[in-house]
Amino acid sequence: MKTDLARILAVAGTHGLYQYVAQTANGGAIAESLSSKKRTAFTRSSRISTLADIAIYTSEGEMRLDAVFTALKAVLGDQLAPSSKASSTELEDLFTKAIPNYDADRFYVSHMKKVVDWYNEIAQYASLDFLTDEEREEQYKAEAGIKD
C-alpha cells in the first residue's frame, strides 16, 4: 500500500511520526504513532506539519520530501539510513550521494538527522512507495463520494 505523506504528521516536541486519524472538536487532531500504534490527541496549538508540506533546499530550489526519500532509497537500496546519531560526516556523505545539489548553507546536519529518522520510521512502519498528487486527489474524492 502506498504512503500518503499528506496524512503523515510530524509534531514539534514529540519523537516519531504519526498517521492522521481525525480532527477533534476543538480543531486539533487525533493521530496514531506509526511505531507504537498508540493514539494521541493534539491540541490546535500543537505545531503539526504534514510530511507532504516539508521540503529541503537545493541549488535549484526546494525538493519535496517524497523526492528526497526516493533519492535516499536509490542510494540505500533496502537498507535503513544511518542513525541520526551517526557522525556529521557520514550524514553529509549520504546526502551528497543521494542529493548532490542540496544547499549546504540552508540544509544543515540537524535537518539531515530529522530526515533520516523519518526515512527509517517510514521504511519500517509504512512504505517508501508514495501516493502522487493525482492519486491522493482521487483517493480523497473516493472517500468523500465525489464523482467526476
N, C-alpha and C. Protein backbone atom coordinates (compact mmCIF):
# COMPACT_ATOMS: atom_id res chain seq x y z
N MET A 1 0.84 -1.18 0.00
CA MET A 1 0.00 0.00 0.00
C MET A 1 0.89 1.25 0.00
N LYS A 2 0.50 2.24 -0.77
CA LYS A 2 1.29 3.46 -0.87
C LYS A 2 1.08 4.35 0.34
N THR A 3 2.12 5.07 0.71
CA THR A 3 2.08 6.01 1.83
C THR A 3 1.63 7.38 1.33
N ASP A 4 0.69 7.97 2.04
CA ASP A 4 0.22 9.31 1.74
C ASP A 4 0.90 10.27 2.71
N LEU A 5 1.94 10.97 2.26
CA LEU A 5 2.68 11.87 3.13
C LEU A 5 1.83 13.03 3.63
N ALA A 6 0.69 13.30 3.00
CA ALA A 6 -0.21 14.34 3.48
C ALA A 6 -0.92 13.90 4.76
N ARG A 7 -0.87 12.62 5.07
CA ARG A 7 -1.51 12.10 6.29
C ARG A 7 -0.49 11.64 7.33
N ILE A 8 0.78 11.84 7.03
CA ILE A 8 1.84 11.52 7.99
C ILE A 8 2.25 12.83 8.65
N LEU A 9 2.20 12.86 9.97
CA LEU A 9 2.42 14.09 10.71
C LEU A 9 3.70 14.05 11.53
N ALA A 10 4.37 15.18 11.57
CA ALA A 10 5.48 15.42 12.49
C ALA A 10 4.98 16.50 13.45
N VAL A 11 5.14 16.25 14.74
CA VAL A 11 4.65 17.18 15.74
C VAL A 11 5.83 17.69 16.54
N ALA A 12 5.99 19.02 16.58
CA ALA A 12 7.10 19.63 17.31
C ALA A 12 7.03 19.21 18.78
N GLY A 13 8.17 18.84 19.32
CA GLY A 13 8.25 18.46 20.72
C GLY A 13 7.97 16.99 20.99
N THR A 14 7.65 16.23 19.95
CA THR A 14 7.42 14.79 20.13
C THR A 14 8.37 14.02 19.22
N HIS A 15 8.66 12.81 19.61
CA HIS A 15 9.54 11.96 18.82
C HIS A 15 8.68 11.07 17.93
N GLY A 16 9.10 10.87 16.72
CA GLY A 16 8.41 9.96 15.82
C GLY A 16 7.39 10.63 14.94
N LEU A 17 6.77 9.80 14.12
CA LEU A 17 5.77 10.25 13.16
C LEU A 17 4.42 9.68 13.52
N TYR A 18 3.38 10.35 13.05
CA TYR A 18 2.01 9.96 13.35
C TYR A 18 1.18 9.90 12.08
N GLN A 19 0.23 8.99 12.07
CA GLN A 19 -0.74 8.87 10.97
C GLN A 19 -1.98 9.63 11.40
N TYR A 20 -2.43 10.58 10.58
CA TYR A 20 -3.63 11.34 10.88
C TYR A 20 -4.83 10.40 10.93
N VAL A 21 -5.67 10.55 11.98
CA VAL A 21 -6.88 9.74 12.10
C VAL A 21 -8.13 10.59 11.92
N ALA A 22 -8.24 11.67 12.70
CA ALA A 22 -9.44 12.51 12.63
C ALA A 22 -9.15 13.87 13.26
N GLN A 23 -10.06 14.79 13.00
CA GLN A 23 -9.99 16.11 13.62
C GLN A 23 -10.78 16.07 14.92
N THR A 24 -10.28 16.79 15.94
CA THR A 24 -11.02 16.88 17.19
C THR A 24 -12.02 18.02 17.13
N ALA A 25 -12.94 18.04 18.07
CA ALA A 25 -13.98 19.07 18.10
C ALA A 25 -13.40 20.47 18.26
N ASN A 26 -12.25 20.58 18.95
CA ASN A 26 -11.67 21.90 19.19
C ASN A 26 -10.65 22.30 18.12
N GLY A 27 -10.60 21.59 17.02
CA GLY A 27 -9.71 21.96 15.92
C GLY A 27 -8.35 21.31 15.95
N GLY A 28 -8.12 20.42 16.91
CA GLY A 28 -6.86 19.69 16.97
C GLY A 28 -6.93 18.45 16.09
N ALA A 29 -6.09 17.48 16.39
CA ALA A 29 -6.06 16.27 15.58
C ALA A 29 -5.85 15.04 16.46
N ILE A 30 -6.44 13.95 16.05
CA ILE A 30 -6.16 12.65 16.65
C ILE A 30 -5.25 11.93 15.68
N ALA A 31 -4.16 11.42 16.19
CA ALA A 31 -3.18 10.75 15.32
C ALA A 31 -2.67 9.50 16.01
N GLU A 32 -2.21 8.57 15.20
CA GLU A 32 -1.70 7.29 15.69
C GLU A 32 -0.22 7.18 15.39
N SER A 33 0.57 6.87 16.41
CA SER A 33 2.01 6.71 16.22
C SER A 33 2.27 5.61 15.20
N LEU A 34 3.16 5.86 14.25
CA LEU A 34 3.50 4.82 13.27
C LEU A 34 4.14 3.62 13.94
N SER A 35 4.99 3.87 14.94
CA SER A 35 5.74 2.77 15.55
C SER A 35 4.94 2.02 16.62
N SER A 36 4.29 2.72 17.53
CA SER A 36 3.61 2.05 18.64
C SER A 36 2.12 1.82 18.41
N LYS A 37 1.55 2.48 17.41
CA LYS A 37 0.12 2.43 17.10
C LYS A 37 -0.75 3.04 18.20
N LYS A 38 -0.14 3.75 19.12
CA LYS A 38 -0.85 4.41 20.21
C LYS A 38 -1.45 5.72 19.68
N ARG A 39 -2.72 5.96 20.01
CA ARG A 39 -3.39 7.19 19.55
C ARG A 39 -3.19 8.31 20.56
N THR A 40 -3.03 9.52 20.01
CA THR A 40 -2.82 10.72 20.81
C THR A 40 -3.67 11.83 20.23
N ALA A 41 -4.23 12.65 21.12
CA ALA A 41 -4.97 13.84 20.68
C ALA A 41 -4.05 15.04 20.83
N PHE A 42 -3.89 15.79 19.76
CA PHE A 42 -3.08 17.00 19.77
C PHE A 42 -4.01 18.20 19.74
N THR A 43 -3.64 19.23 20.47
CA THR A 43 -4.48 20.43 20.52
C THR A 43 -4.25 21.29 19.28
N ARG A 44 -5.10 22.27 19.12
CA ARG A 44 -4.99 23.19 17.99
C ARG A 44 -3.68 23.96 18.04
N SER A 45 -3.14 24.15 19.25
CA SER A 45 -1.89 24.91 19.39
C SER A 45 -0.64 24.05 19.15
N SER A 46 -0.82 22.74 18.99
CA SER A 46 0.34 21.88 18.67
C SER A 46 0.88 22.28 17.31
N ARG A 47 2.19 22.27 17.19
CA ARG A 47 2.81 22.61 15.90
C ARG A 47 2.92 21.33 15.08
N ILE A 48 1.92 21.12 14.23
CA ILE A 48 1.81 19.91 13.42
C ILE A 48 2.14 20.24 11.98
N SER A 49 2.97 19.40 11.36
CA SER A 49 3.28 19.55 9.94
C SER A 49 3.05 18.21 9.26
N THR A 50 2.50 18.25 8.06
CA THR A 50 2.43 17.02 7.27
C THR A 50 3.74 16.88 6.50
N LEU A 51 4.18 15.67 6.30
CA LEU A 51 5.44 15.48 5.58
C LEU A 51 5.32 15.93 4.12
N ALA A 52 4.09 15.97 3.60
CA ALA A 52 3.90 16.45 2.22
C ALA A 52 4.22 17.94 2.09
N ASP A 53 4.17 18.66 3.22
CA ASP A 53 4.42 20.10 3.19
C ASP A 53 5.88 20.46 3.45
N ILE A 54 6.72 19.46 3.66
CA ILE A 54 8.11 19.70 4.02
C ILE A 54 9.00 19.47 2.80
N ALA A 55 9.98 20.33 2.64
CA ALA A 55 10.94 20.21 1.53
C ALA A 55 12.32 20.59 2.04
N ILE A 56 13.34 20.21 1.28
CA ILE A 56 14.69 20.63 1.62
C ILE A 56 15.18 21.58 0.53
N TYR A 57 16.17 22.36 0.88
CA TYR A 57 16.72 23.33 -0.07
C TYR A 57 17.79 22.68 -0.94
N THR A 58 17.70 22.97 -2.24
CA THR A 58 18.73 22.56 -3.19
C THR A 58 19.16 23.79 -3.97
N SER A 59 20.18 23.64 -4.78
CA SER A 59 20.64 24.79 -5.57
C SER A 59 19.61 25.18 -6.63
N GLU A 60 18.69 24.28 -6.97
CA GLU A 60 17.65 24.57 -7.96
C GLU A 60 16.34 25.01 -7.32
N GLY A 61 16.27 25.07 -6.00
CA GLY A 61 15.02 25.42 -5.32
C GLY A 61 14.74 24.40 -4.22
N GLU A 62 13.47 24.15 -3.99
CA GLU A 62 13.09 23.20 -2.95
C GLU A 62 12.81 21.83 -3.55
N MET A 63 13.10 20.79 -2.76
CA MET A 63 12.86 19.40 -3.17
C MET A 63 11.93 18.78 -2.14
N ARG A 64 10.75 18.33 -2.60
CA ARG A 64 9.76 17.75 -1.69
C ARG A 64 10.31 16.50 -1.01
N LEU A 65 9.77 16.23 0.16
CA LEU A 65 10.27 15.12 0.96
C LEU A 65 10.08 13.77 0.30
N ASP A 66 9.01 13.58 -0.46
CA ASP A 66 8.84 12.29 -1.15
C ASP A 66 9.98 12.07 -2.15
N ALA A 67 10.42 13.12 -2.83
CA ALA A 67 11.54 13.01 -3.77
C ALA A 67 12.85 12.77 -3.02
N VAL A 68 13.00 13.40 -1.84
CA VAL A 68 14.19 13.18 -1.01
C VAL A 68 14.25 11.72 -0.59
N PHE A 69 13.13 11.19 -0.09
CA PHE A 69 13.09 9.79 0.35
C PHE A 69 13.37 8.84 -0.81
N THR A 70 12.85 9.16 -1.99
CA THR A 70 13.10 8.32 -3.17
C THR A 70 14.58 8.35 -3.54
N ALA A 71 15.20 9.51 -3.46
CA ALA A 71 16.64 9.62 -3.76
C ALA A 71 17.47 8.86 -2.72
N LEU A 72 17.08 8.94 -1.46
CA LEU A 72 17.79 8.17 -0.42
C LEU A 72 17.64 6.67 -0.66
N LYS A 73 16.44 6.23 -1.03
CA LYS A 73 16.20 4.81 -1.29
C LYS A 73 17.05 4.32 -2.47
N ALA A 74 17.23 5.18 -3.47
CA ALA A 74 18.05 4.81 -4.63
C ALA A 74 19.50 4.54 -4.20
N VAL A 75 19.98 5.29 -3.21
CA VAL A 75 21.35 5.10 -2.72
C VAL A 75 21.43 3.96 -1.71
N LEU A 76 20.44 3.85 -0.84
CA LEU A 76 20.48 2.88 0.25
C LEU A 76 19.97 1.49 -0.12
N GLY A 77 19.18 1.41 -1.17
CA GLY A 77 18.57 0.12 -1.51
C GLY A 77 17.58 -0.27 -0.42
N ASP A 78 17.67 -1.52 0.04
CA ASP A 78 16.76 -2.00 1.08
C ASP A 78 17.28 -1.74 2.49
N GLN A 79 18.43 -1.11 2.61
CA GLN A 79 18.99 -0.83 3.93
C GLN A 79 18.35 0.41 4.53
N LEU A 80 18.37 0.49 5.86
CA LEU A 80 17.93 1.70 6.53
C LEU A 80 19.02 2.76 6.42
N ALA A 81 18.64 4.00 6.61
CA ALA A 81 19.62 5.09 6.62
C ALA A 81 20.42 5.02 7.91
N PRO A 82 21.59 5.63 7.95
CA PRO A 82 22.34 5.68 9.20
C PRO A 82 21.50 6.35 10.29
N SER A 83 21.74 6.01 11.51
CA SER A 83 21.03 6.60 12.64
C SER A 83 21.28 8.11 12.67
N SER A 84 20.37 8.83 13.29
CA SER A 84 20.57 10.26 13.46
C SER A 84 21.73 10.54 14.41
N LYS A 85 22.19 9.52 15.09
CA LYS A 85 23.34 9.65 15.99
C LYS A 85 24.67 9.40 15.26
N ALA A 86 24.58 9.12 13.96
CA ALA A 86 25.79 8.92 13.15
C ALA A 86 26.57 10.23 13.08
N SER A 87 27.81 10.12 12.67
CA SER A 87 28.65 11.32 12.58
C SER A 87 28.12 12.27 11.51
N SER A 88 28.43 13.53 11.69
CA SER A 88 28.04 14.56 10.71
C SER A 88 28.59 14.22 9.34
N THR A 89 29.81 13.73 9.31
CA THR A 89 30.45 13.38 8.03
C THR A 89 29.68 12.28 7.32
N GLU A 90 29.25 11.25 8.08
CA GLU A 90 28.51 10.14 7.48
C GLU A 90 27.18 10.63 6.90
N LEU A 91 26.49 11.49 7.62
CA LEU A 91 25.22 12.02 7.13
C LEU A 91 25.43 12.91 5.91
N GLU A 92 26.42 13.78 5.96
CA GLU A 92 26.71 14.65 4.82
C GLU A 92 27.09 13.83 3.59
N ASP A 93 27.87 12.75 3.79
CA ASP A 93 28.25 11.88 2.67
C ASP A 93 27.01 11.23 2.04
N LEU A 94 26.08 10.77 2.89
CA LEU A 94 24.86 10.15 2.37
C LEU A 94 24.07 11.15 1.53
N PHE A 95 23.87 12.35 2.04
CA PHE A 95 23.09 13.34 1.30
C PHE A 95 23.83 13.82 0.06
N THR A 96 25.15 13.86 0.09
CA THR A 96 25.92 14.23 -1.09
C THR A 96 25.73 13.20 -2.19
N LYS A 97 25.66 11.91 -1.82
CA LYS A 97 25.42 10.85 -2.81
C LYS A 97 23.99 10.90 -3.34
N ALA A 98 23.03 11.06 -2.43
CA ALA A 98 21.62 11.00 -2.82
C ALA A 98 21.13 12.28 -3.49
N ILE A 99 21.56 13.42 -2.95
CA ILE A 99 21.10 14.72 -3.46
C ILE A 99 22.32 15.62 -3.56
N PRO A 100 23.13 15.43 -4.60
CA PRO A 100 24.39 16.16 -4.70
C PRO A 100 24.24 17.68 -4.75
N ASN A 101 23.06 18.18 -5.10
CA ASN A 101 22.87 19.62 -5.21
C ASN A 101 22.16 20.21 -3.99
N TYR A 102 22.15 19.48 -2.85
CA TYR A 102 21.50 20.07 -1.68
C TYR A 102 22.26 21.33 -1.26
N ASP A 103 21.54 22.30 -0.73
CA ASP A 103 22.11 23.59 -0.36
C ASP A 103 22.68 23.51 1.06
N ALA A 104 23.98 23.34 1.16
CA ALA A 104 24.64 23.17 2.46
C ALA A 104 24.53 24.41 3.33
N ASP A 105 24.25 25.57 2.72
CA ASP A 105 24.10 26.80 3.50
C ASP A 105 22.74 26.89 4.20
N ARG A 106 21.76 26.10 3.72
CA ARG A 106 20.42 26.19 4.31
C ARG A 106 19.86 24.84 4.76
N PHE A 107 20.49 23.74 4.40
CA PHE A 107 20.07 22.40 4.81
C PHE A 107 21.19 21.84 5.69
N TYR A 108 20.98 21.91 7.00
CA TYR A 108 22.02 21.61 7.97
C TYR A 108 21.99 20.14 8.42
N VAL A 109 23.04 19.75 9.13
CA VAL A 109 23.12 18.39 9.67
C VAL A 109 21.93 18.12 10.59
N SER A 110 21.49 19.10 11.34
CA SER A 110 20.33 18.90 12.22
C SER A 110 19.09 18.54 11.40
N HIS A 111 18.95 19.11 10.21
CA HIS A 111 17.84 18.76 9.32
C HIS A 111 18.03 17.34 8.79
N MET A 112 19.26 17.00 8.44
CA MET A 112 19.57 15.66 7.93
C MET A 112 19.18 14.61 8.96
N LYS A 113 19.44 14.90 10.23
CA LYS A 113 19.11 13.95 11.30
C LYS A 113 17.61 13.68 11.34
N LYS A 114 16.79 14.73 11.21
CA LYS A 114 15.35 14.54 11.19
C LYS A 114 14.93 13.72 9.98
N VAL A 115 15.50 14.05 8.83
CA VAL A 115 15.12 13.36 7.60
C VAL A 115 15.46 11.87 7.68
N VAL A 116 16.64 11.51 8.18
CA VAL A 116 16.98 10.09 8.26
C VAL A 116 16.12 9.37 9.30
N ASP A 117 15.79 10.04 10.40
CA ASP A 117 14.86 9.43 11.37
C ASP A 117 13.51 9.17 10.72
N TRP A 118 12.98 10.16 10.00
CA TRP A 118 11.70 9.99 9.32
C TRP A 118 11.78 8.90 8.26
N TYR A 119 12.86 8.90 7.49
CA TYR A 119 13.05 7.88 6.45
C TYR A 119 12.99 6.49 7.06
N ASN A 120 13.75 6.29 8.14
CA ASN A 120 13.80 4.98 8.77
C ASN A 120 12.45 4.57 9.34
N GLU A 121 11.74 5.51 9.93
CA GLU A 121 10.44 5.18 10.50
C GLU A 121 9.44 4.81 9.41
N ILE A 122 9.45 5.54 8.31
CA ILE A 122 8.55 5.20 7.21
C ILE A 122 8.94 3.86 6.59
N ALA A 123 10.24 3.62 6.43
CA ALA A 123 10.69 2.35 5.86
C ALA A 123 10.26 1.17 6.73
N GLN A 124 10.28 1.35 8.04
CA GLN A 124 9.94 0.27 8.96
C GLN A 124 8.44 0.08 9.15
N TYR A 125 7.68 1.16 9.19
CA TYR A 125 6.28 1.07 9.61
C TYR A 125 5.26 1.47 8.55
N ALA A 126 5.71 1.91 7.40
CA ALA A 126 4.80 2.29 6.31
C ALA A 126 5.41 1.77 5.01
N SER A 127 5.47 2.59 4.00
CA SER A 127 6.04 2.20 2.71
C SER A 127 6.76 3.39 2.11
N LEU A 128 7.86 3.10 1.42
CA LEU A 128 8.59 4.16 0.72
C LEU A 128 8.06 4.34 -0.70
N ASP A 129 6.90 3.78 -0.96
CA ASP A 129 6.17 3.99 -2.22
C ASP A 129 5.08 5.00 -1.90
N PHE A 130 5.12 6.18 -2.52
CA PHE A 130 4.27 7.29 -2.13
C PHE A 130 3.17 7.56 -3.13
N LEU A 131 2.03 8.03 -2.60
CA LEU A 131 0.94 8.48 -3.47
C LEU A 131 1.39 9.72 -4.22
N THR A 132 1.05 9.79 -5.48
CA THR A 132 1.28 11.02 -6.25
C THR A 132 0.16 12.00 -5.91
N ASP A 133 0.31 13.25 -6.31
CA ASP A 133 -0.73 14.24 -6.06
C ASP A 133 -2.05 13.82 -6.72
N GLU A 134 -1.97 13.25 -7.92
CA GLU A 134 -3.16 12.81 -8.64
C GLU A 134 -3.83 11.65 -7.91
N GLU A 135 -3.05 10.68 -7.46
CA GLU A 135 -3.60 9.53 -6.73
C GLU A 135 -4.24 9.99 -5.41
N ARG A 136 -3.60 10.94 -4.75
CA ARG A 136 -4.14 11.48 -3.49
C ARG A 136 -5.48 12.15 -3.73
N GLU A 137 -5.57 12.95 -4.80
CA GLU A 137 -6.82 13.62 -5.11
C GLU A 137 -7.93 12.61 -5.42
N GLU A 138 -7.60 11.58 -6.19
CA GLU A 138 -8.58 10.54 -6.49
C GLU A 138 -9.03 9.82 -5.22
N GLN A 139 -8.10 9.54 -4.33
CA GLN A 139 -8.43 8.87 -3.06
C GLN A 139 -9.35 9.74 -2.22
N TYR A 140 -9.06 11.03 -2.12
CA TYR A 140 -9.89 11.94 -1.34
C TYR A 140 -11.29 12.03 -1.93
N LYS A 141 -11.40 12.09 -3.27
CA LYS A 141 -12.70 12.14 -3.93
C LYS A 141 -13.49 10.87 -3.63
N ALA A 142 -12.81 9.73 -3.70
CA ALA A 142 -13.49 8.46 -3.43
C ALA A 142 -13.98 8.40 -1.99
N GLU A 143 -13.16 8.86 -1.05
CA GLU A 143 -13.56 8.86 0.36
C GLU A 143 -14.73 9.78 0.61
N ALA A 144 -14.79 10.90 -0.13
CA ALA A 144 -15.87 11.87 0.05
C ALA A 144 -17.10 11.52 -0.80
N GLY A 145 -16.98 10.51 -1.65
CA GLY A 145 -18.10 10.12 -2.50
C GLY A 145 -18.34 11.06 -3.67
N ILE A 146 -17.30 11.77 -4.08
CA ILE A 146 -17.41 12.72 -5.19
C ILE A 146 -17.10 11.98 -6.50
N LYS A 147 -17.98 12.14 -7.47
CA LYS A 147 -17.77 11.53 -8.79
C LYS A 147 -17.47 12.60 -9.80
N ASP A 148 -16.59 12.28 -10.74
CA ASP A 148 -16.23 13.27 -11.79
C ASP A 148 -17.35 13.49 -12.75
